[in-house]
Amino acid sequence: MRVMGAFTLAEIDVTLARLKAEYEKLNHMEQYGLGGRQGRYRKMEEVRREIEHWERRRDRLMRGGVRPRGAVVPHE
């Protein structure tokens, strides 16, 4: 089981599934014109950003954690 901080891969996948279902529901409401347009659009943006956040966390966990960038190795 892969663990990143306080989250396992399974927990991240469950969170992503929940967020994607919520986004799909909001998108469905948008198509049929249910509720206030501005409120739904703002909520859809928040959910989309959260989905992207959790996808980045999952990807980082899948590849083995945080990669150092531009690390300098001293020569002896």
N, C-alpha and C. Protein backbone atom coordinates (compact mmCIF):
# COMPACT_ATOMS: atom_id res chain seq x y z
N MET A 1 0.85 -1.17 0.00
CA MET A 1 0.00 0.00 0.00
C MET A 1 0.90 1.23 0.00
N ARG A 2 0.65 2.12 -0.95
CA ARG A 2 1.43 3.36 -1.02
C ARG A 2 0.79 4.41 -0.13
N VAL A 3 1.64 5.13 0.60
CA VAL A 3 1.15 6.15 1.52
C VAL A 3 1.88 7.46 1.23
N MET A 4 1.13 8.55 1.14
CA MET A 4 1.72 9.88 0.94
C MET A 4 1.23 10.76 2.08
N GLY A 5 2.10 11.01 3.02
CA GLY A 5 1.67 11.80 4.17
C GLY A 5 0.59 11.04 4.91
N ALA A 6 -0.57 11.64 4.99
CA ALA A 6 -1.68 11.01 5.71
C ALA A 6 -2.65 10.31 4.76
N PHE A 7 -2.33 10.22 3.48
CA PHE A 7 -3.26 9.67 2.50
C PHE A 7 -2.70 8.44 1.82
N THR A 8 -3.54 7.43 1.66
CA THR A 8 -3.16 6.25 0.88
C THR A 8 -3.70 6.43 -0.53
N LEU A 9 -3.20 5.62 -1.44
CA LEU A 9 -3.67 5.68 -2.82
C LEU A 9 -5.16 5.39 -2.89
N ALA A 10 -5.64 4.45 -2.08
CA ALA A 10 -7.06 4.11 -2.06
C ALA A 10 -7.91 5.30 -1.61
N GLU A 11 -7.46 6.02 -0.59
CA GLU A 11 -8.20 7.19 -0.10
C GLU A 11 -8.24 8.29 -1.16
N ILE A 12 -7.14 8.49 -1.85
CA ILE A 12 -7.10 9.50 -2.90
C ILE A 12 -8.05 9.11 -4.03
N ASP A 13 -8.06 7.83 -4.41
CA ASP A 13 -8.97 7.37 -5.46
C ASP A 13 -10.44 7.54 -5.07
N VAL A 14 -10.78 7.27 -3.82
CA VAL A 14 -12.15 7.46 -3.35
C VAL A 14 -12.53 8.94 -3.40
N THR A 15 -11.62 9.80 -2.98
CA THR A 15 -11.87 11.24 -3.01
C THR A 15 -12.07 11.72 -4.44
N LEU A 16 -11.23 11.25 -5.36
CA LEU A 16 -11.36 11.63 -6.76
C LEU A 16 -12.69 11.15 -7.35
N ALA A 17 -13.09 9.93 -7.01
CA ALA A 17 -14.36 9.41 -7.52
C ALA A 17 -15.53 10.26 -7.02
N ARG A 18 -15.49 10.66 -5.75
CA ARG A 18 -16.55 11.49 -5.18
C ARG A 18 -16.60 12.85 -5.87
N LEU A 19 -15.43 13.47 -6.05
CA LEU A 19 -15.38 14.79 -6.69
C LEU A 19 -15.82 14.73 -8.14
N LYS A 20 -15.42 13.70 -8.86
CA LYS A 20 -15.83 13.57 -10.26
C LYS A 20 -17.33 13.34 -10.38
N ALA A 21 -17.91 12.58 -9.44
CA ALA A 21 -19.36 12.39 -9.44
C ALA A 21 -20.07 13.71 -9.16
N GLU A 22 -19.55 14.49 -8.22
CA GLU A 22 -20.13 15.79 -7.91
C GLU A 22 -20.04 16.73 -9.11
N TYR A 23 -18.89 16.71 -9.79
CA TYR A 23 -18.72 17.56 -10.97
C TYR A 23 -19.69 17.14 -12.07
N GLU A 24 -19.84 15.84 -12.27
CA GLU A 24 -20.77 15.34 -13.29
C GLU A 24 -22.21 15.74 -12.98
N LYS A 25 -22.58 15.68 -11.70
CA LYS A 25 -23.92 16.09 -11.29
C LYS A 25 -24.14 17.58 -11.59
N LEU A 26 -23.15 18.41 -11.26
CA LEU A 26 -23.27 19.84 -11.54
C LEU A 26 -23.33 20.10 -13.05
N ASN A 27 -22.57 19.35 -13.80
CA ASN A 27 -22.57 19.49 -15.25
C ASN A 27 -23.93 19.09 -15.82
N HIS A 28 -24.52 18.05 -15.29
CA HIS A 28 -25.84 17.60 -15.72
C HIS A 28 -26.88 18.68 -15.41
N MET A 29 -26.79 19.28 -14.23
CA MET A 29 -27.72 20.35 -13.86
C MET A 29 -27.57 21.52 -14.81
N GLU A 30 -26.34 21.81 -15.21
CA GLU A 30 -26.07 22.91 -16.14
C GLU A 30 -26.75 22.66 -17.48
N GLN A 31 -26.70 21.43 -17.96
CA GLN A 31 -27.28 21.09 -19.25
C GLN A 31 -28.79 21.27 -19.27
N TYR A 32 -29.43 21.00 -18.14
CA TYR A 32 -30.89 21.09 -18.08
C TYR A 32 -31.39 22.39 -17.47
N GLY A 33 -30.48 23.29 -17.12
CA GLY A 33 -30.87 24.61 -16.63
C GLY A 33 -31.53 24.61 -15.26
N LEU A 34 -31.12 23.73 -14.38
CA LEU A 34 -31.69 23.66 -13.04
C LEU A 34 -30.88 24.54 -12.09
N GLY A 35 -31.55 25.38 -11.33
CA GLY A 35 -30.87 26.21 -10.33
C GLY A 35 -30.25 27.45 -10.93
N GLY A 36 -29.51 28.20 -10.10
CA GLY A 36 -28.87 29.45 -10.54
C GLY A 36 -27.56 29.20 -11.26
N ARG A 37 -27.41 29.77 -12.42
CA ARG A 37 -26.23 29.53 -13.27
C ARG A 37 -24.92 29.98 -12.61
N GLN A 38 -24.88 31.16 -12.04
CA GLN A 38 -23.63 31.68 -11.46
C GLN A 38 -23.14 30.81 -10.31
N GLY A 39 -24.03 30.40 -9.44
CA GLY A 39 -23.64 29.57 -8.30
C GLY A 39 -23.07 28.23 -8.74
N ARG A 40 -23.69 27.63 -9.73
CA ARG A 40 -23.22 26.33 -10.21
C ARG A 40 -21.86 26.47 -10.89
N TYR A 41 -21.69 27.51 -11.70
CA TYR A 41 -20.42 27.69 -12.40
C TYR A 41 -19.27 27.86 -11.40
N ARG A 42 -19.48 28.67 -10.38
CA ARG A 42 -18.46 28.88 -9.35
C ARG A 42 -18.15 27.56 -8.65
N LYS A 43 -19.18 26.81 -8.31
CA LYS A 43 -18.98 25.53 -7.63
C LYS A 43 -18.26 24.55 -8.54
N MET A 44 -18.59 24.55 -9.84
CA MET A 44 -17.93 23.66 -10.78
C MET A 44 -16.44 23.96 -10.86
N GLU A 45 -16.09 25.24 -10.84
CA GLU A 45 -14.68 25.63 -10.87
C GLU A 45 -13.95 25.14 -9.62
N GLU A 46 -14.59 25.28 -8.46
CA GLU A 46 -13.98 24.83 -7.21
C GLU A 46 -13.75 23.32 -7.25
N VAL A 47 -14.75 22.58 -7.71
CA VAL A 47 -14.65 21.12 -7.78
C VAL A 47 -13.57 20.73 -8.78
N ARG A 48 -13.52 21.41 -9.93
CA ARG A 48 -12.51 21.10 -10.95
C ARG A 48 -11.10 21.33 -10.41
N ARG A 49 -10.90 22.43 -9.68
CA ARG A 49 -9.58 22.70 -9.09
C ARG A 49 -9.21 21.65 -8.05
N GLU A 50 -10.20 21.23 -7.27
CA GLU A 50 -9.93 20.20 -6.27
C GLU A 50 -9.59 18.87 -6.93
N ILE A 51 -10.29 18.55 -8.03
CA ILE A 51 -9.97 17.32 -8.77
C ILE A 51 -8.53 17.37 -9.27
N GLU A 52 -8.12 18.49 -9.84
CA GLU A 52 -6.75 18.64 -10.33
C GLU A 52 -5.74 18.49 -9.20
N HIS A 53 -6.04 19.06 -8.04
CA HIS A 53 -5.16 18.96 -6.88
C HIS A 53 -4.96 17.50 -6.48
N TRP A 54 -6.07 16.76 -6.37
CA TRP A 54 -5.97 15.36 -5.95
C TRP A 54 -5.35 14.49 -7.02
N GLU A 55 -5.54 14.81 -8.29
CA GLU A 55 -4.88 14.05 -9.36
C GLU A 55 -3.37 14.24 -9.31
N ARG A 56 -2.92 15.47 -9.01
CA ARG A 56 -1.48 15.71 -8.86
C ARG A 56 -0.92 14.92 -7.68
N ARG A 57 -1.66 14.89 -6.58
CA ARG A 57 -1.21 14.12 -5.42
C ARG A 57 -1.12 12.64 -5.75
N ARG A 58 -2.12 12.11 -6.46
CA ARG A 58 -2.11 10.70 -6.85
C ARG A 58 -0.94 10.41 -7.78
N ASP A 59 -0.72 11.28 -8.76
CA ASP A 59 0.38 11.07 -9.70
C ASP A 59 1.74 11.08 -8.98
N ARG A 60 1.88 12.01 -8.04
CA ARG A 60 3.13 12.10 -7.27
C ARG A 60 3.33 10.83 -6.45
N LEU A 61 2.26 10.31 -5.86
CA LEU A 61 2.34 9.08 -5.08
C LEU A 61 2.68 7.89 -5.97
N MET A 62 2.08 7.84 -7.16
CA MET A 62 2.31 6.73 -8.08
C MET A 62 3.76 6.68 -8.55
N ARG A 63 4.38 7.83 -8.72
CA ARG A 63 5.76 7.82 -9.21
C ARG A 63 6.78 7.74 -8.07
N GLY A 64 6.31 7.69 -6.83
CA GLY A 64 7.22 7.46 -5.72
C GLY A 64 7.51 8.65 -4.84
N GLY A 65 6.71 9.70 -4.91
CA GLY A 65 6.90 10.84 -4.03
C GLY A 65 7.36 12.08 -4.75
N VAL A 66 7.87 13.01 -4.00
CA VAL A 66 8.31 14.29 -4.54
C VAL A 66 9.69 14.11 -5.17
N ARG A 67 9.83 14.60 -6.39
CA ARG A 67 11.13 14.52 -7.07
C ARG A 67 11.90 15.82 -6.83
N PRO A 68 13.16 15.70 -6.45
CA PRO A 68 13.95 16.92 -6.33
C PRO A 68 14.24 17.49 -7.71
N ARG A 69 14.16 18.79 -7.84
CA ARG A 69 14.42 19.44 -9.12
C ARG A 69 15.66 20.32 -9.00
N GLY A 70 16.51 20.19 -9.96
CA GLY A 70 17.69 21.04 -9.98
C GLY A 70 18.62 20.80 -8.81
N ALA A 71 18.69 19.56 -8.35
CA ALA A 71 19.56 19.26 -7.22
C ALA A 71 21.02 19.41 -7.63
N VAL A 72 21.83 19.95 -6.76
CA VAL A 72 23.25 20.14 -7.03
C VAL A 72 24.01 19.14 -6.18
N VAL A 73 24.82 18.34 -6.85
CA VAL A 73 25.63 17.36 -6.14
C VAL A 73 27.08 17.88 -6.10
N PRO A 74 27.60 18.10 -4.89
CA PRO A 74 28.96 18.64 -4.80
C PRO A 74 29.99 17.60 -5.23
N HIS A 75 31.05 18.07 -5.88
CA HIS A 75 32.16 17.20 -6.28
C HIS A 75 33.23 17.24 -5.21
N GLU A 76 33.88 16.11 -5.02
CA GLU A 76 34.96 16.09 -4.02
C GLU A 76 36.30 16.02 -4.68
